[in-house]
Each structure stands twice: as C-alpha cells, then as structure tokens.
PDB file of all heavy atoms in Angstrom:
ATOM      1  N   ALA A   1      27.135-101.330 -91.287  1.00  0.00           N
ATOM      2  CA  ALA A   1      25.684-101.401 -91.392  1.00  0.00           C
ATOM      3  C   ALA A   1      25.090-100.007 -91.608  1.00  0.00           C
ATOM      4  O   ALA A   1      24.194 -99.820 -92.442  1.00  0.00           O
ATOM      5  CB  ALA A   1      25.092-102.051 -90.148  1.00  0.00           C
ATOM      6  N   THR A   2      25.582 -99.042 -90.855  1.00  0.00           N
ATOM      7  CA  THR A   2      25.063 -97.672 -90.965  1.00  0.00           C
ATOM      8  C   THR A   2      25.332 -97.096 -92.346  1.00  0.00           C
ATOM      9  O   THR A   2      24.451 -96.472 -92.964  1.00  0.00           O
ATOM     10  CB  THR A   2      25.699 -96.775 -89.883  1.00  0.00           C
ATOM     11  OG1 THR A   2      25.407 -97.312 -88.582  1.00  0.00           O
ATOM     12  CG2 THR A   2      25.163 -95.360 -89.969  1.00  0.00           C
ATOM     13  N   ASN A   3      26.534 -97.316 -92.871  1.00  0.00           N
ATOM     14  CA  ASN A   3      26.875 -96.820 -94.207  1.00  0.00           C
ATOM     15  C   ASN A   3      25.979 -97.458 -95.263  1.00  0.00           C
ATOM     16  O   ASN A   3      25.487 -96.776 -96.175  1.00  0.00           O
ATOM     17  CB  ASN A   3      28.344 -97.106 -94.503  1.00  0.00           C
ATOM     18  CG  ASN A   3      28.755 -96.627 -95.884  1.00  0.00           C
ATOM     19  OD1 ASN A   3      28.637 -95.450 -96.214  1.00  0.00           O
ATOM     20  ND2 ASN A   3      29.241 -97.543 -96.708  1.00  0.00           N
ATOM     21  N   ALA A   4      25.756 -98.768 -95.154  1.00  0.00           N
ATOM     22  CA  ALA A   4      24.908 -99.457 -96.123  1.00  0.00           C
ATOM     23  C   ALA A   4      23.487 -98.919 -96.104  1.00  0.00           C
ATOM     24  O   ALA A   4      22.878 -98.691 -97.159  1.00  0.00           O
ATOM     25  CB  ALA A   4      24.920-100.960 -95.845  1.00  0.00           C
ATOM     26  N   LEU A   5      22.945 -98.691 -94.914  1.00  0.00           N
ATOM     27  CA  LEU A   5      21.554 -98.211 -94.827  1.00  0.00           C
ATOM     28  C   LEU A   5      21.427 -96.765 -95.269  1.00  0.00           C
ATOM     29  O   LEU A   5      20.393 -96.367 -95.812  1.00  0.00           O
ATOM     30  CB  LEU A   5      21.026 -98.415 -93.414  1.00  0.00           C
ATOM     31  CG  LEU A   5      20.210 -99.697 -93.209  1.00  0.00           C
ATOM     32  CD1 LEU A   5      18.931 -99.664 -94.047  1.00  0.00           C
ATOM     33  CD2 LEU A   5      21.013-100.940 -93.597  1.00  0.00           C
ATOM     34  N   HIS A   6      22.480 -95.958 -95.066  1.00  0.00           N
ATOM     35  CA  HIS A   6      22.449 -94.599 -95.599  1.00  0.00           C
ATOM     36  C   HIS A   6      22.385 -94.642 -97.127  1.00  0.00           C
ATOM     37  O   HIS A   6      21.613 -93.892 -97.742  1.00  0.00           O
ATOM     38  CB  HIS A   6      23.683 -93.813 -95.137  1.00  0.00           C
ATOM     39  CG  HIS A   6      23.524 -93.153 -93.807  1.00  0.00           C
ATOM     40  ND1 HIS A   6      22.769 -92.018 -93.622  1.00  0.00           N
ATOM     41  CD2 HIS A   6      23.995 -93.492 -92.580  1.00  0.00           C
ATOM     42  CE1 HIS A   6      22.799 -91.662 -92.358  1.00  0.00           C
ATOM     43  NE2 HIS A   6      23.530 -92.547 -91.698  1.00  0.00           N
ATOM     44  N   GLN A   7      23.196 -95.489 -97.741  1.00  0.00           N
ATOM     45  CA  GLN A   7      23.155 -95.604 -99.199  1.00  0.00           C
ATOM     46  C   GLN A   7      21.806 -96.137 -99.667  1.00  0.00           C
ATOM     47  O   GLN A   7      21.260 -95.678-100.682  1.00  0.00           O
ATOM     48  CB  GLN A   7      24.279 -96.529 -99.672  1.00  0.00           C
ATOM     49  CG  GLN A   7      25.671 -95.970 -99.471  1.00  0.00           C
ATOM     50  CD  GLN A   7      26.734 -96.883-100.062  1.00  0.00           C
ATOM     51  OE1 GLN A   7      26.749 -97.130-101.268  1.00  0.00           O
ATOM     52  NE2 GLN A   7      27.626 -97.380 -99.221  1.00  0.00           N
ATOM     53  N   PHE A   8      21.270 -97.105 -98.943  1.00  0.00           N
ATOM     54  CA  PHE A   8      19.961 -97.641 -99.303  1.00  0.00           C
ATOM     55  C   PHE A   8      18.899 -96.542 -99.245  1.00  0.00           C
ATOM     56  O   PHE A   8      18.075 -96.418-100.169  1.00  0.00           O
ATOM     57  CB  PHE A   8      19.587 -98.773 -98.338  1.00  0.00           C
ATOM     58  CG  PHE A   8      18.196 -99.309 -98.551  1.00  0.00           C
ATOM     59  CD1 PHE A   8      17.939-100.220 -99.561  1.00  0.00           C
ATOM     60  CD2 PHE A   8      17.138 -98.888 -97.758  1.00  0.00           C
ATOM     61  CE1 PHE A   8      16.663-100.709 -99.768  1.00  0.00           C
ATOM     62  CE2 PHE A   8      15.858 -99.366 -97.962  1.00  0.00           C
ATOM     63  CZ  PHE A   8      15.619-100.280 -98.968  1.00  0.00           C
ATOM     64  N   ALA A   9      18.909 -95.747 -98.193  1.00  0.00           N
ATOM     65  CA  ALA A   9      17.909 -94.688 -98.031  1.00  0.00           C
ATOM     66  C   ALA A   9      17.971 -93.703 -99.199  1.00  0.00           C
ATOM     67  O   ALA A   9      16.937 -93.303 -99.747  1.00  0.00           O
ATOM     68  CB  ALA A   9      18.126 -93.962 -96.702  1.00  0.00           C
ATOM     69  N   HIS A  10      19.188 -93.327 -99.597  1.00  0.00           N
ATOM     70  CA  HIS A  10      19.321 -92.340-100.666  1.00  0.00           C
ATOM     71  C   HIS A  10      19.005 -92.930-102.041  1.00  0.00           C
ATOM     72  O   HIS A  10      18.834 -92.179-103.016  1.00  0.00           O
ATOM     73  CB  HIS A  10      20.723 -91.733-100.642  1.00  0.00           C
ATOM     74  CG  HIS A  10      20.926 -90.761 -99.526  1.00  0.00           C
ATOM     75  ND1 HIS A  10      20.387 -89.485 -99.542  1.00  0.00           N
ATOM     76  CD2 HIS A  10      21.574 -90.873 -98.336  1.00  0.00           C
ATOM     77  CE1 HIS A  10      20.711 -88.846 -98.418  1.00  0.00           C
ATOM     78  NE2 HIS A  10      21.426 -89.670 -97.673  1.00  0.00           N
ATOM     79  N   SER A  11      18.913 -94.247-102.136  1.00  0.00           N
ATOM     80  CA  SER A  11      18.559 -94.872-103.416  1.00  0.00           C
ATOM     81  C   SER A  11      17.054 -94.901-103.651  1.00  0.00           C
ATOM     82  O   SER A  11      16.614 -95.190-104.769  1.00  0.00           O
ATOM     83  CB  SER A  11      19.099 -96.304-103.452  1.00  0.00           C
ATOM     84  OG  SER A  11      18.312 -97.167-102.645  1.00  0.00           O
ATOM     85  N   LEU A  12      16.258 -94.627-102.623  1.00  0.00           N
ATOM     86  CA  LEU A  12      14.807 -94.813-102.727  1.00  0.00           C
ATOM     87  C   LEU A  12      14.144 -93.928-103.788  1.00  0.00           C
ATOM     88  O   LEU A  12      13.237 -94.397-104.487  1.00  0.00           O
ATOM     89  CB  LEU A  12      14.158 -94.625-101.367  1.00  0.00           C
ATOM     90  CG  LEU A  12      14.468 -95.725-100.349  1.00  0.00           C
ATOM     91  CD1 LEU A  12      13.890 -95.371 -98.976  1.00  0.00           C
ATOM     92  CD2 LEU A  12      13.925 -97.079-100.817  1.00  0.00           C
ATOM     93  N   PRO A  13      14.524 -92.651-103.940  1.00  0.00           N
ATOM     94  CA  PRO A  13      13.895 -91.860-105.019  1.00  0.00           C
ATOM     95  C   PRO A  13      14.120 -92.467-106.402  1.00  0.00           C
ATOM     96  O   PRO A  13      13.193 -92.534-107.214  1.00  0.00           O
ATOM     97  CB  PRO A  13      14.563 -90.486-104.878  1.00  0.00           C
ATOM     98  CG  PRO A  13      14.935 -90.409-103.427  1.00  0.00           C
ATOM     99  CD  PRO A  13      15.360 -91.801-103.056  1.00  0.00           C
ATOM    100  N   GLN A  14      15.343 -92.941-106.682  1.00  0.00           N
ATOM    101  CA  GLN A  14      15.618 -93.581-107.975  1.00  0.00           C
ATOM    102  C   GLN A  14      14.837 -94.882-108.089  1.00  0.00           C
ATOM    103  O   GLN A  14      14.296 -95.217-109.152  1.00  0.00           O
ATOM    104  CB  GLN A  14      17.114 -93.863-108.111  1.00  0.00           C
ATOM    105  CG  GLN A  14      17.503 -94.606-109.376  1.00  0.00           C
ATOM    106  CD  GLN A  14      17.228 -93.802-110.637  1.00  0.00           C
ATOM    107  OE1 GLN A  14      17.712 -92.680-110.775  1.00  0.00           O
ATOM    108  NE2 GLN A  14      16.448 -94.360-111.553  1.00  0.00           N
ATOM    109  N   LEU A  15      14.750 -95.605-106.984  1.00  0.00           N
ATOM    110  CA  LEU A  15      14.002 -96.862-106.992  1.00  0.00           C
ATOM    111  C   LEU A  15      12.540 -96.617-107.343  1.00  0.00           C
ATOM    112  O   LEU A  15      11.951 -97.345-108.130  1.00  0.00           O
ATOM    113  CB  LEU A  15      14.151 -97.532-105.618  1.00  0.00           C
ATOM    114  CG  LEU A  15      13.745 -98.988-105.474  1.00  0.00           C
ATOM    115  CD1 LEU A  15      14.569 -99.642-104.366  1.00  0.00           C
ATOM    116  CD2 LEU A  15      12.273 -99.115-105.135  1.00  0.00           C
ATOM    117  N   ARG A  16      11.952 -95.562-106.780  1.00  0.00           N
ATOM    118  CA  ARG A  16      10.560 -95.221-107.103  1.00  0.00           C
ATOM    119  C   ARG A  16      10.410 -94.876-108.587  1.00  0.00           C
ATOM    120  O   ARG A  16       9.426 -95.276-109.237  1.00  0.00           O
ATOM    121  CB  ARG A  16      10.096 -94.064-106.222  1.00  0.00           C
ATOM    122  CG  ARG A  16       8.807 -93.360-106.668  1.00  0.00           C
ATOM    123  CD  ARG A  16       7.581 -94.269-106.661  1.00  0.00           C
ATOM    124  NE  ARG A  16       6.541 -93.727-107.503  1.00  0.00           N
ATOM    125  CZ  ARG A  16       5.404 -93.171-107.063  1.00  0.00           C
ATOM    126  NH1 ARG A  16       5.175 -93.100-105.763  1.00  0.00           N
ATOM    127  NH2 ARG A  16       4.526 -92.705-107.906  1.00  0.00           N
ATOM    128  N   GLN A  17      11.384 -94.158-109.148  1.00  0.00           N
ATOM    129  CA  GLN A  17      11.314 -93.823-110.572  1.00  0.00           C
ATOM    130  C   GLN A  17      11.341 -95.081-111.434  1.00  0.00           C
ATOM    131  O   GLN A  17      10.596 -95.178-112.423  1.00  0.00           O
ATOM    132  CB  GLN A  17      12.460 -92.893-110.947  1.00  0.00           C
ATOM    133  CG  GLN A  17      12.317 -91.488-110.376  1.00  0.00           C
ATOM    134  CD  GLN A  17      13.452 -90.578-110.778  1.00  0.00           C
ATOM    135  OE1 GLN A  17      14.618 -90.996-110.851  1.00  0.00           O
ATOM    136  NE2 GLN A  17      13.153 -89.322-111.059  1.00  0.00           N
ATOM    137  N   TRP A  18      12.173 -96.040-111.078  1.00  0.00           N
ATOM    138  CA  TRP A  18      12.233 -97.289-111.830  1.00  0.00           C
ATOM    139  C   TRP A  18      10.919 -98.046-111.708  1.00  0.00           C
ATOM    140  O   TRP A  18      10.424 -98.603-112.684  1.00  0.00           O
ATOM    141  CB  TRP A  18      13.395 -98.147-111.321  1.00  0.00           C
ATOM    142  CG  TRP A  18      14.724 -97.729-111.864  1.00  0.00           C
ATOM    143  CD1 TRP A  18      15.235 -96.460-111.876  1.00  0.00           C
ATOM    144  CD2 TRP A  18      15.702 -98.558-112.486  1.00  0.00           C
ATOM    145  NE1 TRP A  18      16.482 -96.448-112.444  1.00  0.00           N
ATOM    146  CE2 TRP A  18      16.796 -97.731-112.835  1.00  0.00           C
ATOM    147  CE3 TRP A  18      15.775 -99.917-112.754  1.00  0.00           C
ATOM    148  CZ2 TRP A  18      17.938 -98.220-113.463  1.00  0.00           C
ATOM    149  CZ3 TRP A  18      16.921-100.414-113.373  1.00  0.00           C
ATOM    150  CH2 TRP A  18      17.981 -99.566-113.728  1.00  0.00           C
ATOM    151  N   LEU A  19      10.352 -98.051-110.520  1.00  0.00           N
ATOM    152  CA  LEU A  19       9.078 -98.742-110.331  1.00  0.00           C
ATOM    153  C   LEU A  19       7.968 -98.080-111.138  1.00  0.00           C
ATOM    154  O   LEU A  19       7.064 -98.765-111.630  1.00  0.00           O
ATOM    155  CB  LEU A  19       8.716 -98.782-108.849  1.00  0.00           C
ATOM    156  CG  LEU A  19       9.542 -99.755-108.003  1.00  0.00           C
ATOM    157  CD1 LEU A  19       9.285 -99.537-106.524  1.00  0.00           C
ATOM    158  CD2 LEU A  19       9.227-101.203-108.387  1.00  0.00           C
ATOM    159  N   ASP A  20       8.020 -96.774-111.289  1.00  0.00           N
ATOM    160  CA  ASP A  20       7.024 -96.101-112.121  1.00  0.00           C
ATOM    161  C   ASP A  20       7.079 -96.608-113.558  1.00  0.00           C
ATOM    162  O   ASP A  20       6.041 -96.769-114.219  1.00  0.00           O
ATOM    163  CB  ASP A  20       7.246 -94.584-112.102  1.00  0.00           C
ATOM    164  CG  ASP A  20       6.764 -93.945-110.803  1.00  0.00           C
ATOM    165  OD1 ASP A  20       6.013 -94.592-110.043  1.00  0.00           O
ATOM    166  OD2 ASP A  20       7.163 -92.789-110.529  1.00  0.00           O
ATOM    167  N   THR A  21       8.279 -96.888-114.071  1.00  0.00           N
ATOM    168  CA  THR A  21       8.373 -97.425-115.422  1.00  0.00           C
ATOM    169  C   THR A  21       7.808 -98.845-115.486  1.00  0.00           C
ATOM    170  O   THR A  21       7.213 -99.231-116.498  1.00  0.00           O
ATOM    171  CB  THR A  21       9.836 -97.429-115.931  1.00  0.00           C
ATOM    172  OG1 THR A  21      10.613 -98.393-115.206  1.00  0.00           O
ATOM    173  CG2 THR A  21      10.463 -96.050-115.786  1.00  0.00           C
ATOM    174  N   ASP A  22       7.989 -99.619-114.415  1.00  0.00           N
ATOM    175  CA  ASP A  22       7.405-100.966-114.377  1.00  0.00           C
ATOM    176  C   ASP A  22       5.887-100.906-114.357  1.00  0.00           C
ATOM    177  O   ASP A  22       5.206-101.690-115.035  1.00  0.00           O
ATOM    178  CB  ASP A  22       7.898-101.727-113.132  1.00  0.00           C
ATOM    179  CG  ASP A  22       9.405-101.876-113.096  1.00  0.00           C
ATOM    180  OD1 ASP A  22      10.035-101.957-114.165  1.00  0.00           O
ATOM    181  OD2 ASP A  22       9.965-101.922-111.977  1.00  0.00           O
ATOM    182  N   VAL A  23       5.345 -99.976-113.579  1.00  0.00           N
ATOM    183  CA  VAL A  23       3.895 -99.820-113.488  1.00  0.00           C
ATOM    184  C   VAL A  23       3.325 -99.417-114.845  1.00  0.00           C
ATOM    185  O   VAL A  23       2.307 -99.960-115.305  1.00  0.00           O
ATOM    186  CB  VAL A  23       3.534 -98.783-112.406  1.00  0.00           C
ATOM    187  CG1 VAL A  23       2.049 -98.431-112.463  1.00  0.00           C
ATOM    188  CG2 VAL A  23       3.897 -99.316-111.018  1.00  0.00           C
ATOM    189  N   LEU A  24       3.967 -98.461-115.513  1.00  0.00           N
ATOM    190  CA  LEU A  24       3.495 -98.040-116.834  1.00  0.00           C
ATOM    191  C   LEU A  24       3.594 -99.175-117.851  1.00  0.00           C
ATOM    192  O   LEU A  24       2.706 -99.336-118.699  1.00  0.00           O
ATOM    193  CB  LEU A  24       4.305 -96.839-117.312  1.00  0.00           C
ATOM    194  CG  LEU A  24       3.930 -95.486-116.689  1.00  0.00           C
ATOM    195  CD1 LEU A  24       4.909 -94.407-117.138  1.00  0.00           C
ATOM    196  CD2 LEU A  24       2.501 -95.104-117.059  1.00  0.00           C
ATOM    197  N   ALA A  25       4.657 -99.969-117.762  1.00  0.00           N
ATOM    198  CA  ALA A  25       4.801-101.101-118.684  1.00  0.00           C
ATOM    199  C   ALA A  25       3.662-102.094-118.497  1.00  0.00           C
ATOM    200  O   ALA A  25       3.125-102.630-119.473  1.00  0.00           O
ATOM    201  CB  ALA A  25       6.150-101.784-118.458  1.00  0.00           C
ATOM    202  N   ALA A  26       3.281-102.335-117.250  1.00  0.00           N
ATOM    203  CA  ALA A  26       2.171-103.259-116.986  1.00  0.00           C
ATOM    204  C   ALA A  26       0.848-102.681-117.488  1.00  0.00           C
ATOM    205  O   ALA A  26       0.045-103.388-118.107  1.00  0.00           O
ATOM    206  CB  ALA A  26       2.087-103.550-115.487  1.00  0.00           C
ATOM    207  N   PHE A  27       0.620-101.399-117.239  1.00  0.00           N
ATOM    208  CA  PHE A  27      -0.628-100.770-117.680  1.00  0.00           C
ATOM    209  C   PHE A  27      -0.725-100.744-119.198  1.00  0.00           C
ATOM    210  O   PHE A  27      -1.766-101.081-119.788  1.00  0.00           O
ATOM    211  CB  PHE A  27      -0.712 -99.349-117.118  1.00  0.00           C
ATOM    212  CG  PHE A  27      -1.877 -98.569-117.650  1.00  0.00           C
ATOM    213  CD1 PHE A  27      -3.181 -98.929-117.346  1.00  0.00           C
ATOM    214  CD2 PHE A  27      -1.670 -97.469-118.480  1.00  0.00           C
ATOM    215  CE1 PHE A  27      -4.262 -98.216-117.846  1.00  0.00           C
ATOM    216  CE2 PHE A  27      -2.737 -96.748-118.981  1.00  0.00           C
ATOM    217  CZ  PHE A  27      -4.034 -97.128-118.669  1.00  0.00           C
ATOM    218  N   GLN A  28       0.361-100.369-119.857  1.00  0.00           N
ATOM    219  CA  GLN A  28       0.340-100.269-121.318  1.00  0.00           C
ATOM    220  C   GLN A  28       0.379-101.627-122.000  1.00  0.00           C
ATOM    221  O   GLN A  28      -0.082-101.777-123.140  1.00  0.00           O
ATOM    222  CB  GLN A  28       1.526 -99.410-121.778  1.00  0.00           C
ATOM    223  CG  GLN A  28       1.417 -97.963-121.330  1.00  0.00           C
ATOM    224  CD  GLN A  28       2.695 -97.175-121.528  1.00  0.00           C
ATOM    225  OE1 GLN A  28       3.734 -97.734-121.915  1.00  0.00           O
ATOM    226  NE2 GLN A  28       2.656 -95.870-121.252  1.00  0.00           N
ATOM    227  N   GLY A  29       0.895-102.645-121.289  1.00  0.00           N
ATOM    228  CA  GLY A  29       1.041-103.953-121.898  1.00  0.00           C
ATOM    229  C   GLY A  29      -0.111-104.906-121.662  1.00  0.00           C
ATOM    230  O   GLY A  29      -0.134-106.000-122.232  1.00  0.00           O
TER     231      GLY A  29
END
C-alpha cells in the first residue's frame, strides 16, 4: 500500500499537466 501511494503521489505533477491539456481542449473546442 505504501509503495503504491508513493508512486501515486509522484504521478500528480504529470497528472496535472495532462489535465491542463483537457482544460485547453474544452476551452478551444
């Protein structure tokens, strides 16, 4: 469980970057 949550925590910056592309796609579309 601890290993999984450590990996999840470190994925959050990339996750935010992906969400930024989704937000821009919605705004532009």
